[in-house]
């Protein structure tokens, strides 16, 4: 008896999220984000393709509205990146998810950081 498995069956999205997320402003329009990730095959469930950053911008009253601008950035398998082209002196809610070819897994707990104001 020959049993054939669909090769896509063994791959899924990661079930663990990145940990130790930190973000700090490096300029009035740029934030540096770093994180750690446990690359356990029992948790990744496929080949790690990289990470997906979620960047949510607050409005002028520092309120994250339902229709706030959500920006996503794809990264490679590194554990840090810089997000540029941001608004001056604005709050940003940042979270990260690991991704495989099947898509992103769960996001980690987010951090909030403010870009510098111009002086």
C-alpha atoms as a PDB file:
ATOM      1  CA  UNK A   1       0.000   0.000   0.000  1.00  0.00           C
ATOM      2  CA  UNK A   2       1.382   3.394  -1.002  1.00  0.00           C
ATOM      3  CA  UNK A   3       0.337   6.434   1.009  1.00  0.00           C
ATOM      4  CA  UNK A   4       0.861   9.846  -0.559  1.00  0.00           C
ATOM      5  CA  UNK A   5       0.753  12.936   1.601  1.00  0.00           C
ATOM      6  CA  UNK A   6       0.098  16.424   0.338  1.00  0.00           C
ATOM      7  CA  UNK A   7       3.402  18.217   0.951  1.00  0.00           C
ATOM      8  CA  UNK A   8       1.582  21.439   1.859  1.00  0.00           C
ATOM      9  CA  UNK A   9      -0.093  19.613   4.753  1.00  0.00           C
ATOM     10  CA  UNK A  10       3.063  19.592   6.849  1.00  0.00           C
ATOM     11  CA  UNK A  11       3.508  23.361   6.589  1.00  0.00           C
ATOM     12  CA  UNK A  12       1.424  25.879   8.435  1.00  0.00           C
ATOM     13  CA  UNK A  13       1.798  29.272  10.079  1.00  0.00           C
ATOM     14  CA  UNK A  14       3.946  29.561  13.216  1.00  0.00           C
ATOM     15  CA  UNK A  15       2.122  29.036  16.499  1.00  0.00           C
ATOM     16  CA  UNK A  16       4.546  31.078  18.595  1.00  0.00           C
ATOM     17  CA  UNK A  17       5.116  34.800  18.526  1.00  0.00           C
ATOM     18  CA  UNK A  18       8.377  36.749  18.855  1.00  0.00           C
ATOM     19  CA  UNK A  19       9.435  37.732  22.387  1.00  0.00           C
ATOM     20  CA  UNK A  20      11.334  40.578  24.055  1.00  0.00           C
ATOM     21  CA  UNK A  21      10.145  43.208  21.583  1.00  0.00           C
ATOM     22  CA  UNK A  22      11.758  46.607  22.051  1.00  0.00           C
ATOM     23  CA  UNK A  23      11.483  49.772  20.010  1.00  0.00           C
ATOM     24  CA  UNK A  24      13.163  53.141  20.353  1.00  0.00           C
ATOM     25  CA  UNK A  25      13.268  56.309  18.313  1.00  0.00           C
ATOM     26  CA  UNK A  26      16.450  57.033  16.410  1.00  0.00           C
ATOM     27  CA  UNK A  27      15.243  60.211  14.714  1.00  0.00           C
ATOM     28  CA  UNK A  28      12.144  62.282  14.080  1.00  0.00           C
ATOM     29  CA  UNK A  29      11.066  59.873  11.323  1.00  0.00           C
ATOM     30  CA  UNK A  30      12.648  56.528  12.202  1.00  0.00           C
ATOM     31  CA  UNK A  31      12.224  53.805  14.850  1.00  0.00           C
ATOM     32  CA  UNK A  32      14.528  50.844  15.486  1.00  0.00           C
ATOM     33  CA  UNK A  33      12.757  47.609  16.442  1.00  0.00           C
ATOM     34  CA  UNK A  34      14.419  44.488  17.892  1.00  0.00           C
ATOM     35  CA  UNK A  35      13.032  41.151  19.098  1.00  0.00           C
ATOM     36  CA  UNK A  36      13.957  37.539  19.831  1.00  0.00           C
ATOM     37  CA  UNK A  37      12.370  34.432  18.392  1.00  0.00           C
ATOM     38  CA  UNK A  38      12.509  30.784  19.441  1.00  0.00           C
ATOM     39  CA  UNK A  39      12.964  28.915  16.184  1.00  0.00           C
ATOM     40  CA  UNK A  40      11.718  25.535  17.429  1.00  0.00           C
ATOM     41  CA  UNK A  41      10.436  23.386  14.500  1.00  0.00           C
ATOM     42  CA  UNK A  42       7.531  22.215  16.716  1.00  0.00           C
ATOM     43  CA  UNK A  43       6.404  25.856  16.944  1.00  0.00           C
ATOM     44  CA  UNK A  44       7.359  27.330  13.565  1.00  0.00           C
ATOM     45  CA  UNK A  45       5.560  24.562  11.581  1.00  0.00           C
ATOM     46  CA  UNK A  46       7.445  25.198   8.359  1.00  0.00           C
ATOM     47  CA  UNK A  47      10.422  27.130   7.082  1.00  0.00           C
ATOM     48  CA  UNK A  48      10.749  30.547   8.693  1.00  0.00           C
ATOM     49  CA  UNK A  49      10.559  33.103   5.872  1.00  0.00           C
ATOM     50  CA  UNK A  50      10.956  36.180   8.051  1.00  0.00           C
ATOM     51  CA  UNK A  51       8.802  38.487  10.114  1.00  0.00           C
ATOM     52  CA  UNK A  52       5.879  40.820   9.562  1.00  0.00           C
ATOM     53  CA  UNK A  53       5.943  44.142  11.427  1.00  0.00           C
ATOM     54  CA  UNK A  54       2.684  45.886  12.226  1.00  0.00           C
ATOM     55  CA  UNK A  55       3.012  49.644  12.754  1.00  0.00           C
ATOM     56  CA  UNK A  56      -0.125  51.472  13.907  1.00  0.00           C
ATOM     57  CA  UNK A  57      -0.007  55.271  13.969  1.00  0.00           C
ATOM     58  CA  UNK A  58      -1.831  57.292  16.636  1.00  0.00           C
ATOM     59  CA  UNK A  59      -3.631  60.481  15.704  1.00  0.00           C
ATOM     60  CA  UNK A  60      -2.774  63.942  17.016  1.00  0.00           C
ATOM     61  CA  UNK A  61      -4.529  63.306  20.342  1.00  0.00           C
ATOM     62  CA  UNK A  62      -2.408  60.160  20.948  1.00  0.00           C
ATOM     63  CA  UNK A  63      -5.459  57.970  20.383  1.00  0.00           C
ATOM     64  CA  UNK A  64      -5.255  54.753  18.356  1.00  0.00           C
ATOM     65  CA  UNK A  65      -8.500  55.013  16.425  1.00  0.00           C
ATOM     66  CA  UNK A  66     -10.156  52.045  14.681  1.00  0.00           C
ATOM     67  CA  UNK A  67      -9.347  53.650  11.328  1.00  0.00           C
ATOM     68  CA  UNK A  68      -5.745  54.532  12.254  1.00  0.00           C
ATOM     69  CA  UNK A  69      -3.169  53.972   9.547  1.00  0.00           C
ATOM     70  CA  UNK A  70      -1.786  50.446   9.779  1.00  0.00           C
ATOM     71  CA  UNK A  71       1.479  49.900   7.986  1.00  0.00           C
ATOM     72  CA  UNK A  72       3.050  46.481   7.537  1.00  0.00           C
ATOM     73  CA  UNK A  73       6.678  45.766   6.652  1.00  0.00           C
ATOM     74  CA  UNK A  74       8.157  42.407   5.709  1.00  0.00           C
ATOM     75  CA  UNK A  75      11.640  41.555   6.959  1.00  0.00           C
ATOM     76  CA  UNK A  76      14.018  38.671   6.416  1.00  0.00           C
ATOM     77  CA  UNK A  77      14.955  36.272   9.206  1.00  0.00           C
ATOM     78  CA  UNK A  78      17.019  38.903  11.086  1.00  0.00           C
ATOM     79  CA  UNK A  79      15.852  40.014  14.507  1.00  0.00           C
ATOM     80  CA  UNK A  80      15.930  43.782  14.050  1.00  0.00           C
ATOM     81  CA  UNK A  81      14.943  46.438  11.556  1.00  0.00           C
ATOM     82  CA  UNK A  82      14.486  50.169  11.188  1.00  0.00           C
ATOM     83  CA  UNK A  83      11.131  51.592  10.189  1.00  0.00           C
ATOM     84  CA  UNK A  84      11.452  54.901   8.366  1.00  0.00           C
ATOM     85  CA  UNK A  85       9.203  57.446   6.712  1.00  0.00           C
ATOM     86  CA  UNK A  86       7.221  58.045   9.891  1.00  0.00           C
ATOM     87  CA  UNK A  87       5.486  61.189  11.105  1.00  0.00           C
ATOM     88  CA  UNK A  88       7.295  63.621  13.398  1.00  0.00           C
ATOM     89  CA  UNK A  89       6.565  63.406  17.172  1.00  0.00           C
ATOM     90  CA  UNK A  90       3.905  60.720  16.754  1.00  0.00           C
ATOM     91  CA  UNK A  91       3.069  57.621  18.785  1.00  0.00           C
ATOM     92  CA  UNK A  92       3.363  54.240  17.088  1.00  0.00           C
ATOM     93  CA  UNK A  93       2.093  50.886  18.323  1.00  0.00           C
ATOM     94  CA  UNK A  94       4.467  48.174  17.063  1.00  0.00           C
ATOM     95  CA  UNK A  95       4.073  44.389  17.043  1.00  0.00           C
ATOM     96  CA  UNK A  96       5.771  41.545  15.165  1.00  0.00           C
ATOM     97  CA  UNK A  97       4.739  38.111  13.871  1.00  0.00           C
ATOM     98  CA  UNK A  98       6.866  35.302  12.454  1.00  0.00           C
ATOM     99  CA  UNK A  99       5.875  34.114   8.980  1.00  0.00           C
ATOM    100  CA  UNK A 100       6.201  31.030   6.814  1.00  0.00           C
ATOM    101  CA  UNK A 101       5.078  30.531   3.205  1.00  0.00           C
ATOM    102  CA  UNK A 102       1.579  29.904   4.589  1.00  0.00           C
ATOM    103  CA  UNK A 103       1.427  33.338   6.254  1.00  0.00           C
ATOM    104  CA  UNK A 104       2.082  35.099   9.564  1.00  0.00           C
ATOM    105  CA  UNK A 105       1.540  33.566  12.978  1.00  0.00           C
ATOM    106  CA  UNK A 106       0.288  35.361  16.084  1.00  0.00           C
ATOM    107  CA  UNK A 107       1.570  38.834  16.933  1.00  0.00           C
ATOM    108  CA  UNK A 108       3.470  39.471  20.119  1.00  0.00           C
ATOM    109  CA  UNK A 109       2.438  41.987  22.765  1.00  0.00           C
ATOM    110  CA  UNK A 110       2.909  45.414  21.247  1.00  0.00           C
ATOM    111  CA  UNK A 111       5.085  48.286  22.403  1.00  0.00           C
ATOM    112  CA  UNK A 112       4.395  51.980  21.995  1.00  0.00           C
ATOM    113  CA  UNK A 113       7.111  54.422  20.997  1.00  0.00           C
ATOM    114  CA  UNK A 114       7.141  58.076  19.942  1.00  0.00           C
ATOM    115  CA  UNK A 115       9.320  59.530  17.205  1.00  0.00           C
ATOM    116  CA  UNK A 116      11.435  62.584  18.057  1.00  0.00           C
ATOM    117  CA  UNK A 117      10.135  66.075  17.422  1.00  0.00           C
ATOM    118  CA  UNK A 118      12.176  68.350  15.193  1.00  0.00           C
ATOM    119  CA  UNK A 119      14.155  70.936  17.116  1.00  0.00           C
END
